[in-house]
PDB file of all heavy atoms in Angstrom:
ATOM      1  N   LEU A   1     -10.768 -20.424  -8.804  1.00  0.00           N
ATOM      2  CA  LEU A   1     -11.891 -20.273  -7.874  1.00  0.00           C
ATOM      3  C   LEU A   1     -12.430 -21.631  -7.413  1.00  0.00           C
ATOM      4  O   LEU A   1     -13.593 -21.968  -7.614  1.00  0.00           O
ATOM      5  CB  LEU A   1     -12.992 -19.400  -8.485  1.00  0.00           C
ATOM      6  CG  LEU A   1     -12.536 -17.992  -8.902  1.00  0.00           C
ATOM      7  CD1 LEU A   1     -13.655 -17.243  -9.588  1.00  0.00           C
ATOM      8  CD2 LEU A   1     -12.022 -17.215  -7.697  1.00  0.00           C
ATOM      9  N   ASP A   2     -11.531 -22.405  -6.804  1.00  0.00           N
ATOM     10  CA  ASP A   2     -11.862 -23.717  -6.243  1.00  0.00           C
ATOM     11  C   ASP A   2     -12.435 -24.686  -7.269  1.00  0.00           C
ATOM     12  O   ASP A   2     -13.285 -25.515  -6.958  1.00  0.00           O
ATOM     13  CB  ASP A   2     -12.821 -23.574  -5.049  1.00  0.00           C
ATOM     14  CG  ASP A   2     -12.203 -22.810  -3.890  1.00  0.00           C
ATOM     15  OD1 ASP A   2     -10.967 -22.912  -3.702  1.00  0.00           O
ATOM     16  OD2 ASP A   2     -12.943 -22.112  -3.181  1.00  0.00           O
ATOM     17  N   GLY A   3     -11.979 -24.571  -8.510  1.00  0.00           N
ATOM     18  CA  GLY A   3     -12.411 -25.490  -9.555  1.00  0.00           C
ATOM     19  C   GLY A   3     -13.753 -25.167 -10.161  1.00  0.00           C
ATOM     20  O   GLY A   3     -14.273 -25.946 -10.955  1.00  0.00           O
ATOM     21  N   CYS A   4     -14.328 -24.028  -9.833  1.00  0.00           N
ATOM     22  CA  CYS A   4     -15.642 -23.661 -10.360  1.00  0.00           C
ATOM     23  C   CYS A   4     -15.566 -22.970 -11.721  1.00  0.00           C
ATOM     24  O   CYS A   4     -16.541 -22.972 -12.468  1.00  0.00           O
ATOM     25  CB  CYS A   4     -16.359 -22.730  -9.379  1.00  0.00           C
ATOM     26  SG  CYS A   4     -16.832 -23.537  -7.829  1.00  0.00           S
ATOM     27  N   VAL A   5     -14.427 -22.365 -12.052  1.00  0.00           N
ATOM     28  CA  VAL A   5     -14.320 -21.503 -13.221  1.00  0.00           C
ATOM     29  C   VAL A   5     -13.105 -21.906 -14.050  1.00  0.00           C
ATOM     30  O   VAL A   5     -12.057 -22.242 -13.512  1.00  0.00           O
ATOM     31  CB  VAL A   5     -14.184 -20.024 -12.787  1.00  0.00           C
ATOM     32  CG1 VAL A   5     -13.991 -19.100 -13.976  1.00  0.00           C
ATOM     33  CG2 VAL A   5     -15.399 -19.591 -11.971  1.00  0.00           C
ATOM     34  N   LEU A   6     -13.257 -21.841 -15.373  1.00  0.00           N
ATOM     35  CA  LEU A   6     -12.118 -21.984 -16.272  1.00  0.00           C
ATOM     36  C   LEU A   6     -11.720 -20.591 -16.743  1.00  0.00           C
ATOM     37  O   LEU A   6     -12.564 -19.810 -17.193  1.00  0.00           O
ATOM     38  CB  LEU A   6     -12.475 -22.823 -17.500  1.00  0.00           C
ATOM     39  CG  LEU A   6     -12.753 -24.302 -17.277  1.00  0.00           C
ATOM     40  CD1 LEU A   6     -13.045 -24.986 -18.610  1.00  0.00           C
ATOM     41  CD2 LEU A   6     -11.603 -24.986 -16.589  1.00  0.00           C
ATOM     42  N   LEU A   7     -10.422 -20.302 -16.641  1.00  0.00           N
ATOM     43  CA  LEU A   7      -9.870 -19.029 -17.113  1.00  0.00           C
ATOM     44  C   LEU A   7      -9.080 -19.301 -18.385  1.00  0.00           C
ATOM     45  O   LEU A   7      -8.184 -20.143 -18.401  1.00  0.00           O
ATOM     46  CB  LEU A   7      -8.939 -18.420 -16.059  1.00  0.00           C
ATOM     47  CG  LEU A   7      -8.088 -17.222 -16.511  1.00  0.00           C
ATOM     48  CD1 LEU A   7      -8.970 -16.013 -16.842  1.00  0.00           C
ATOM     49  CD2 LEU A   7      -7.066 -16.872 -15.441  1.00  0.00           C
ATOM     50  N   GLU A   8      -9.429 -18.598 -19.455  1.00  0.00           N
ATOM     51  CA  GLU A   8      -8.686 -18.672 -20.712  1.00  0.00           C
ATOM     52  C   GLU A   8      -7.838 -17.415 -20.841  1.00  0.00           C
ATOM     53  O   GLU A   8      -8.327 -16.308 -20.641  1.00  0.00           O
ATOM     54  CB  GLU A   8      -9.663 -18.745 -21.888  1.00  0.00           C
ATOM     55  CG  GLU A   8      -8.986 -18.614 -23.242  1.00  0.00           C
ATOM     56  CD  GLU A   8      -9.973 -18.455 -24.389  1.00  0.00           C
ATOM     57  OE1 GLU A   8     -11.145 -18.133 -24.137  1.00  0.00           O
ATOM     58  OE2 GLU A   8      -9.543 -18.643 -25.529  1.00  0.00           O
ATOM     59  N   GLU A   9      -6.559 -17.603 -21.208  1.00  0.00           N
ATOM     60  CA  GLU A   9      -5.652 -16.491 -21.460  1.00  0.00           C
ATOM     61  C   GLU A   9      -5.036 -16.717 -22.839  1.00  0.00           C
ATOM     62  O   GLU A   9      -4.218 -17.621 -23.019  1.00  0.00           O
ATOM     63  CB  GLU A   9      -4.574 -16.429 -20.382  1.00  0.00           C
ATOM     64  CG  GLU A   9      -5.163 -16.230 -18.989  1.00  0.00           C
ATOM     65  CD  GLU A   9      -4.127 -16.328 -17.905  1.00  0.00           C
ATOM     66  OE1 GLU A   9      -3.860 -17.472 -17.462  1.00  0.00           O
ATOM     67  OE2 GLU A   9      -3.588 -15.285 -17.505  1.00  0.00           O
ATOM     68  N   TYR A  10      -5.434 -15.897 -23.803  1.00  0.00           N
ATOM     69  CA  TYR A  10      -5.043 -16.078 -25.206  1.00  0.00           C
ATOM     70  C   TYR A  10      -4.150 -14.926 -25.646  1.00  0.00           C
ATOM     71  O   TYR A  10      -4.429 -13.762 -25.333  1.00  0.00           O
ATOM     72  CB  TYR A  10      -6.305 -16.128 -26.081  1.00  0.00           C
ATOM     73  CG  TYR A  10      -6.031 -16.339 -27.545  1.00  0.00           C
ATOM     74  CD1 TYR A  10      -5.659 -17.589 -28.022  1.00  0.00           C
ATOM     75  CD2 TYR A  10      -6.134 -15.297 -28.453  1.00  0.00           C
ATOM     76  CE1 TYR A  10      -5.407 -17.797 -29.374  1.00  0.00           C
ATOM     77  CE2 TYR A  10      -5.889 -15.500 -29.805  1.00  0.00           C
ATOM     78  CZ  TYR A  10      -5.522 -16.751 -30.255  1.00  0.00           C
ATOM     79  OH  TYR A  10      -5.272 -16.947 -31.587  1.00  0.00           O
ATOM     80  N   LYS A  11      -3.077 -15.243 -26.374  1.00  0.00           N
ATOM     81  CA  LYS A  11      -2.151 -14.231 -26.886  1.00  0.00           C
ATOM     82  C   LYS A  11      -1.731 -14.607 -28.295  1.00  0.00           C
ATOM     83  O   LYS A  11      -1.577 -15.787 -28.610  1.00  0.00           O
ATOM     84  CB  LYS A  11      -0.883 -14.150 -26.023  1.00  0.00           C
ATOM     85  CG  LYS A  11      -1.121 -13.700 -24.614  1.00  0.00           C
ATOM     86  CD  LYS A  11       0.176 -13.682 -23.833  1.00  0.00           C
ATOM     87  CE  LYS A  11      -0.106 -13.276 -22.389  1.00  0.00           C
ATOM     88  NZ  LYS A  11       1.101 -13.246 -21.567  1.00  0.00           N
ATOM     89  N   THR A  12      -1.519 -13.588 -29.143  1.00  0.00           N
ATOM     90  CA  THR A  12      -1.021 -13.829 -30.494  1.00  0.00           C
ATOM     91  C   THR A  12       0.356 -13.195 -30.657  1.00  0.00           C
ATOM     92  O   THR A  12       0.725 -12.297 -29.883  1.00  0.00           O
ATOM     93  CB  THR A  12      -1.961 -13.231 -31.563  1.00  0.00           C
ATOM     94  OG1 THR A  12      -1.861 -11.801 -31.521  1.00  0.00           O
ATOM     95  CG2 THR A  12      -3.396 -13.672 -31.354  1.00  0.00           C
ATOM     96  N   PRO A  13       1.100 -13.605 -31.678  1.00  0.00           N
ATOM     97  CA  PRO A  13       2.403 -12.998 -31.938  1.00  0.00           C
ATOM     98  C   PRO A  13       2.310 -11.516 -32.325  1.00  0.00           C
ATOM     99  O   PRO A  13       3.284 -10.781 -32.206  1.00  0.00           O
ATOM    100  CB  PRO A  13       2.959 -13.817 -33.114  1.00  0.00           C
ATOM    101  CG  PRO A  13       2.202 -15.092 -33.104  1.00  0.00           C
ATOM    102  CD  PRO A  13       0.850 -14.756 -32.544  1.00  0.00           C
ATOM    103  N   THR A  14       1.137 -11.069 -32.767  1.00  0.00           N
ATOM    104  CA  THR A  14       0.964  -9.671 -33.195  1.00  0.00           C
ATOM    105  C   THR A  14       0.554  -8.742 -32.059  1.00  0.00           C
ATOM    106  O   THR A  14       0.361  -7.553 -32.283  1.00  0.00           O
ATOM    107  CB  THR A  14      -0.079  -9.579 -34.324  1.00  0.00           C
ATOM    108  OG1 THR A  14      -1.338 -10.074 -33.830  1.00  0.00           O
ATOM    109  CG2 THR A  14       0.342 -10.384 -35.537  1.00  0.00           C
ATOM    110  N   GLY A  15       0.384  -9.279 -30.833  1.00  0.00           N
ATOM    111  CA  GLY A  15       0.033  -8.445 -29.690  1.00  0.00           C
ATOM    112  C   GLY A  15      -1.429  -8.494 -29.281  1.00  0.00           C
ATOM    113  O   GLY A  15      -1.809  -7.960 -28.238  1.00  0.00           O
ATOM    114  N   TYR A  16      -2.275  -9.109 -30.096  1.00  0.00           N
ATOM    115  CA  TYR A  16      -3.679  -9.266 -29.705  1.00  0.00           C
ATOM    116  C   TYR A  16      -3.735 -10.231 -28.533  1.00  0.00           C
ATOM    117  O   TYR A  16      -3.036 -11.244 -28.498  1.00  0.00           O
ATOM    118  CB  TYR A  16      -4.502  -9.823 -30.876  1.00  0.00           C
ATOM    119  CG  TYR A  16      -5.927 -10.136 -30.512  1.00  0.00           C
ATOM    120  CD1 TYR A  16      -6.875  -9.128 -30.395  1.00  0.00           C
ATOM    121  CD2 TYR A  16      -6.333 -11.439 -30.273  1.00  0.00           C
ATOM    122  CE1 TYR A  16      -8.184  -9.409 -30.053  1.00  0.00           C
ATOM    123  CE2 TYR A  16      -7.643 -11.736 -29.932  1.00  0.00           C
ATOM    124  CZ  TYR A  16      -8.563 -10.713 -29.820  1.00  0.00           C
ATOM    125  OH  TYR A  16      -9.860 -11.004 -29.475  1.00  0.00           O
ATOM    126  N   GLN A  17      -4.581  -9.915 -27.551  1.00  0.00           N
ATOM    127  CA  GLN A  17      -4.781 -10.823 -26.434  1.00  0.00           C
ATOM    128  C   GLN A  17      -6.181 -10.669 -25.859  1.00  0.00           C
ATOM    129  O   GLN A  17      -6.812  -9.619 -26.002  1.00  0.00           O
ATOM    130  CB  GLN A  17      -3.723 -10.638 -25.357  1.00  0.00           C
ATOM    131  CG  GLN A  17      -3.518  -9.233 -24.866  1.00  0.00           C
ATOM    132  CD  GLN A  17      -2.331  -9.162 -23.923  1.00  0.00           C
ATOM    133  OE1 GLN A  17      -2.212  -9.987 -23.010  1.00  0.00           O
ATOM    134  NE2 GLN A  17      -1.472  -8.195 -24.108  1.00  0.00           N
ATOM    135  N   GLY A  18      -6.638 -11.747 -25.254  1.00  0.00           N
ATOM    136  CA  GLY A  18      -7.952 -11.732 -24.641  1.00  0.00           C
ATOM    137  C   GLY A  18      -8.033 -12.766 -23.542  1.00  0.00           C
ATOM    138  O   GLY A  18      -7.163 -13.639 -23.418  1.00  0.00           O
ATOM    139  N   LYS A  19      -9.085 -12.648 -22.755  1.00  0.00           N
ATOM    140  CA  LYS A  19      -9.314 -13.582 -21.652  1.00  0.00           C
ATOM    141  C   LYS A  19     -10.800 -13.908 -21.584  1.00  0.00           C
ATOM    142  O   LYS A  19     -11.640 -13.079 -21.911  1.00  0.00           O
ATOM    143  CB  LYS A  19      -8.856 -12.988 -20.321  1.00  0.00           C
ATOM    144  CG  LYS A  19      -7.363 -12.765 -20.261  1.00  0.00           C
ATOM    145  CD  LYS A  19      -6.924 -12.281 -18.916  1.00  0.00           C
ATOM    146  CE  LYS A  19      -5.417 -12.061 -18.958  1.00  0.00           C
ATOM    147  NZ  LYS A  19      -4.853 -11.846 -17.657  1.00  0.00           N
ATOM    148  N   SER A  20     -11.071 -15.115 -21.118  1.00  0.00           N
ATOM    149  CA  SER A  20     -12.472 -15.475 -20.886  1.00  0.00           C
ATOM    150  C   SER A  20     -12.605 -16.177 -19.554  1.00  0.00           C
ATOM    151  O   SER A  20     -11.675 -16.810 -19.064  1.00  0.00           O
ATOM    152  CB  SER A  20     -13.017 -16.358 -22.013  1.00  0.00           C
ATOM    153  OG  SER A  20     -12.507 -17.670 -21.941  1.00  0.00           O
ATOM    154  N   LEU A  21     -13.786 -16.012 -18.971  1.00  0.00           N
ATOM    155  CA  LEU A  21     -14.198 -16.753 -17.783  1.00  0.00           C
ATOM    156  C   LEU A  21     -15.331 -17.664 -18.223  1.00  0.00           C
ATOM    157  O   LEU A  21     -16.261 -17.226 -18.914  1.00  0.00           O
ATOM    158  CB  LEU A  21     -14.681 -15.809 -16.682  1.00  0.00           C
ATOM    159  CG  LEU A  21     -13.623 -14.900 -16.076  1.00  0.00           C
ATOM    160  CD1 LEU A  21     -14.260 -13.910 -15.118  1.00  0.00           C
ATOM    161  CD2 LEU A  21     -12.538 -15.703 -15.371  1.00  0.00           C
ATOM    162  N   ASN A  22     -15.262 -18.928 -17.832  1.00  0.00           N
ATOM    163  CA  ASN A  22     -16.225 -19.939 -18.255  1.00  0.00           C
ATOM    164  C   ASN A  22     -16.729 -20.679 -17.026  1.00  0.00           C
ATOM    165  O   ASN A  22     -15.927 -21.145 -16.217  1.00  0.00           O
ATOM    166  CB  ASN A  22     -15.540 -20.938 -19.194  1.00  0.00           C
ATOM    167  CG  ASN A  22     -14.930 -20.260 -20.389  1.00  0.00           C
ATOM    168  OD1 ASN A  22     -15.552 -20.142 -21.419  1.00  0.00           O
ATOM    169  ND2 ASN A  22     -13.689 -19.780 -20.255  1.00  0.00           N
ATOM    170  N   ILE A  23     -18.053 -20.804 -16.919  1.00  0.00           N
ATOM    171  CA  ILE A  23     -18.629 -21.489 -15.760  1.00  0.00           C
ATOM    172  C   ILE A  23     -19.944 -22.160 -16.155  1.00  0.00           C
ATOM    173  O   ILE A  23     -20.676 -21.673 -17.016  1.00  0.00           O
ATOM    174  CB  ILE A  23     -18.873 -20.517 -14.575  1.00  0.00           C
ATOM    175  CG1 ILE A  23     -19.285 -21.288 -13.315  1.00  0.00           C
ATOM    176  CG2 ILE A  23     -19.872 -19.436 -14.947  1.00  0.00           C
ATOM    177  CD1 ILE A  23     -19.245 -20.465 -12.036  1.00  0.00           C
ATOM    178  N   PHE A  24     -20.200 -23.287 -15.516  1.00  0.00           N
ATOM    179  CA  PHE A  24     -21.500 -23.929 -15.645  1.00  0.00           C
ATOM    180  C   PHE A  24     -22.442 -23.240 -14.670  1.00  0.00           C
ATOM    181  O   PHE A  24     -22.155 -23.140 -13.478  1.00  0.00           O
ATOM    182  CB  PHE A  24     -21.415 -25.425 -15.328  1.00  0.00           C
ATOM    183  CG  PHE A  24     -22.747 -26.110 -15.400  1.00  0.00           C
ATOM    184  CD1 PHE A  24     -23.338 -26.366 -16.629  1.00  0.00           C
ATOM    185  CD2 PHE A  24     -23.411 -26.469 -14.251  1.00  0.00           C
ATOM    186  CE1 PHE A  24     -24.579 -26.973 -16.702  1.00  0.00           C
ATOM    187  CE2 PHE A  24     -24.644 -27.097 -14.308  1.00  0.00           C
ATOM    188  CZ  PHE A  24     -25.227 -27.344 -15.538  1.00  0.00           C
ATOM    189  N   ASN A  25     -23.555 -22.741 -15.173  1.00  0.00           N
ATOM    190  CA  ASN A  25     -24.552 -22.064 -14.347  1.00  0.00           C
ATOM    191  C   ASN A  25     -25.594 -23.109 -13.937  1.00  0.00           C
ATOM    192  O   ASN A  25     -26.449 -23.483 -14.741  1.00  0.00           O
ATOM    193  CB  ASN A  25     -25.198 -20.916 -15.123  1.00  0.00           C
ATOM    194  CG  ASN A  25     -26.208 -20.145 -14.313  1.00  0.00           C
ATOM    195  OD1 ASN A  25     -26.740 -20.628 -13.311  1.00  0.00           O
ATOM    196  ND2 ASN A  25     -26.489 -18.941 -14.748  1.00  0.00           N
ATOM    197  N   LYS A  26     -25.491 -23.562 -12.722  1.00  0.00           N
ATOM    198  CA  LYS A  26     -26.377 -24.625 -12.242  1.00  0.00           C
ATOM    199  C   LYS A  26     -27.851 -24.208 -12.293  1.00  0.00           C
ATOM    200  O   LYS A  26     -28.724 -25.026 -12.577  1.00  0.00           O
ATOM    201  CB  LYS A  26     -25.978 -25.019 -10.817  1.00  0.00           C
ATOM    202  CG  LYS A  26     -26.559 -26.315 -10.364  1.00  0.00           C
ATOM    203  CD  LYS A  26     -25.935 -26.755  -9.052  1.00  0.00           C
ATOM    204  CE  LYS A  26     -26.406 -28.121  -8.660  1.00  0.00           C
ATOM    205  NZ  LYS A  26     -25.733 -28.593  -7.452  1.00  0.00           N
ATOM    206  N   ALA A  27     -28.123 -22.928 -12.047  1.00  0.00           N
ATOM    207  CA  ALA A  27     -29.510 -22.449 -12.034  1.00  0.00           C
ATOM    208  C   ALA A  27     -30.161 -22.565 -13.414  1.00  0.00           C
ATOM    209  O   ALA A  27     -31.327 -22.941 -13.524  1.00  0.00           O
ATOM    210  CB  ALA A  27     -29.569 -21.004 -11.549  1.00  0.00           C
ATOM    211  N   SER A  28     -29.419 -22.264 -14.475  1.00  0.00           N
ATOM    212  CA  SER A  28     -29.983 -22.318 -15.827  1.00  0.00           C
ATOM    213  C   SER A  28     -29.693 -23.642 -16.526  1.00  0.00           C
ATOM    214  O   SER A  28     -30.312 -23.959 -17.539  1.00  0.00           O
ATOM    215  CB  SER A  28     -29.423 -21.180 -16.683  1.00  0.00           C
ATOM    216  OG  SER A  28     -28.038 -21.382 -16.946  1.00  0.00           O
ATOM    217  N   GLY A  29     -28.715 -24.406 -16.008  1.00  0.00           N
ATOM    218  CA  GLY A  29     -28.324 -25.647 -16.668  1.00  0.00           C
ATOM    219  C   GLY A  29     -27.501 -25.404 -17.922  1.00  0.00           C
ATOM    220  O   GLY A  29     -27.374 -26.289 -18.764  1.00  0.00           O
ATOM    221  N   LYS A  30     -26.927 -24.219 -18.044  1.00  0.00           N
ATOM    222  CA  LYS A  30     -26.166 -23.838 -19.241  1.00  0.00           C
ATOM    223  C   LYS A  30     -24.747 -23.425 -18.865  1.00  0.00           C
ATOM    224  O   LYS A  30     -24.485 -22.994 -17.753  1.00  0.00           O
ATOM    225  CB  LYS A  30     -26.823 -22.636 -19.940  1.00  0.00           C
ATOM    226  CG  LYS A  30     -28.246 -22.846 -20.357  1.00  0.00           C
ATOM    227  CD  LYS A  30     -28.308 -23.446 -21.707  1.00  0.00           C
ATOM    228  CE  LYS A  30     -29.762 -23.526 -22.166  1.00  0.00           C
ATOM    229  NZ  LYS A  30     -29.904 -24.224 -23.394  1.00  0.00           N
ATOM    230  N   TRP A  31     -23.848 -23.532 -19.833  1.00  0.00           N
ATOM    231  CA  TRP A  31     -22.507 -22.985 -19.708  1.00  0.00           C
ATOM    232  C   TRP A  31     -22.536 -21.521 -20.103  1.00  0.00           C
ATOM    233  O   TRP A  31     -23.316 -21.117 -20.978  1.00  0.00           O
ATOM    234  CB  TRP A  31     -21.532 -23.749 -20.601  1.00  0.00           C
ATOM    235  CG  TRP A  31     -20.997 -24.960 -19.910  1.00  0.00           C
ATOM    236  CD1 TRP A  31     -21.540 -26.208 -19.904  1.00  0.00           C
ATOM    237  CD2 TRP A  31     -19.827 -25.010 -19.106  1.00  0.00           C
ATOM    238  NE1 TRP A  31     -20.778 -27.046 -19.125  1.00  0.00           N
ATOM    239  CE2 TRP A  31     -19.715 -26.330 -18.635  1.00  0.00           C
ATOM    240  CE3 TRP A  31     -18.858 -24.084 -18.729  1.00  0.00           C
ATOM    241  CZ2 TRP A  31     -18.677 -26.742 -17.810  1.00  0.00           C
ATOM    242  CZ3 TRP A  31     -17.816 -24.490 -17.912  1.00  0.00           C
ATOM    243  CH2 TRP A  31     -17.742 -25.805 -17.463  1.00  0.00           C
ATOM    244  N   HIS A  32     -21.683 -20.731 -19.474  1.00  0.00           N
ATOM    245  CA  HIS A  32     -21.605 -19.298 -19.762  1.00  0.00           C
ATOM    246  C   HIS A  32     -20.141 -18.919 -19.967  1.00  0.00           C
ATOM    247  O   HIS A  32     -19.275 -19.375 -19.233  1.00  0.00           O
ATOM    248  CB  HIS A  32     -22.189 -18.492 -18.603  1.00  0.00           C
ATOM    249  CG  HIS A  32     -22.117 -17.020 -18.806  1.00  0.00           C
ATOM    250  ND1 HIS A  32     -23.064 -16.327 -19.515  1.00  0.00           N
ATOM    251  CD2 HIS A  32     -21.187 -16.127 -18.435  1.00  0.00           C
ATOM    252  CE1 HIS A  32     -22.721 -15.053 -19.545  1.00  0.00           C
ATOM    253  NE2 HIS A  32     -21.579 -14.905 -18.897  1.00  0.00           N
ATOM    254  N   GLN A  33     -19.887 -18.104 -20.982  1.00  0.00           N
ATOM    255  CA  GLN A  33     -18.550 -17.563 -21.209  1.00  0.00           C
ATOM    256  C   GLN A  33     -18.653 -16.054 -21.370  1.00  0.00           C
ATOM    257  O   GLN A  33     -19.519 -15.555 -22.084  1.00  0.00           O
ATOM    258  CB  GLN A  33     -17.894 -18.133 -22.471  1.00  0.00           C
ATOM    259  CG  GLN A  33     -16.492 -17.571 -22.707  1.00  0.00           C
ATOM    260  CD  GLN A  33     -15.835 -18.065 -23.977  1.00  0.00           C
ATOM    261  OE1 GLN A  33     -15.991 -17.456 -25.022  1.00  0.00           O
ATOM    262  NE2 GLN A  33     -15.124 -19.181 -23.883  1.00  0.00           N
ATOM    263  N   THR A  34     -17.748 -15.339 -20.702  1.00  0.00           N
ATOM    264  CA  THR A  34     -17.573 -13.906 -20.917  1.00  0.00           C
ATOM    265  C   THR A  34     -16.165 -13.707 -21.445  1.00  0.00           C
ATOM    266  O   THR A  34     -15.193 -14.057 -20.782  1.00  0.00           O
ATOM    267  CB  THR A  34     -17.769 -13.109 -19.609  1.00  0.00           C
ATOM    268  OG1 THR A  34     -19.106 -13.311 -19.155  1.00  0.00           O
ATOM    269  CG2 THR A  34     -17.536 -11.625 -19.838  1.00  0.00           C
ATOM    270  N   TRP A  35     -16.064 -13.189 -22.679  1.00  0.00           N
ATOM    271  CA  TRP A  35     -14.787 -12.952 -23.352  1.00  0.00           C
ATOM    272  C   TRP A  35     -14.556 -11.449 -23.453  1.00  0.00           C
ATOM    273  O   TRP A  35     -15.475 -10.697 -23.803  1.00  0.00           O
ATOM    274  CB  TRP A  35     -14.813 -13.550 -24.756  1.00  0.00           C
ATOM    275  CG  TRP A  35     -13.700 -13.079 -25.634  1.00  0.00           C
ATOM    276  CD1 TRP A  35     -13.730 -12.038 -26.511  1.00  0.00           C
ATOM    277  CD2 TRP A  35     -12.372 -13.609 -25.712  1.00  0.00           C
ATOM    278  NE1 TRP A  35     -12.508 -11.895 -27.132  1.00  0.00           N
ATOM    279  CE2 TRP A  35     -11.655 -12.849 -26.651  1.00  0.00           C
ATOM    280  CE3 TRP A  35     -11.720 -14.662 -25.064  1.00  0.00           C
ATOM    281  CZ2 TRP A  35     -10.323 -13.109 -26.963  1.00  0.00           C
ATOM    282  CZ3 TRP A  35     -10.399 -14.915 -25.385  1.00  0.00           C
ATOM    283  CH2 TRP A  35      -9.718 -14.155 -26.322  1.00  0.00           C
ATOM    284  N   THR A  36     -13.341 -11.021 -23.132  1.00  0.00           N
ATOM    285  CA  THR A  36     -12.933  -9.630 -23.331  1.00  0.00           C
ATOM    286  C   THR A  36     -11.546  -9.642 -23.945  1.00  0.00           C
ATOM    287  O   THR A  36     -10.778 -10.595 -23.762  1.00  0.00           O
ATOM    288  CB  THR A  36     -12.908  -8.835 -22.012  1.00  0.00           C
ATOM    289  OG1 THR A  36     -12.019  -9.476 -21.100  1.00  0.00           O
ATOM    290  CG2 THR A  36     -14.287  -8.744 -21.391  1.00  0.00           C
TER     291      THR A  36
END
C-alpha cells in the first residue's frame, strides 16, 4: 500500500499460519498491528 503498511506472512512446518497488518497511526502517534 505505497509503503504505508507492513504485511507479515507467517507459516510453520505443522500448518499453522497467520498474517498481520502493521501501520503507524499518525493521528494517535502509535503503531498498530492486527494479527489473524
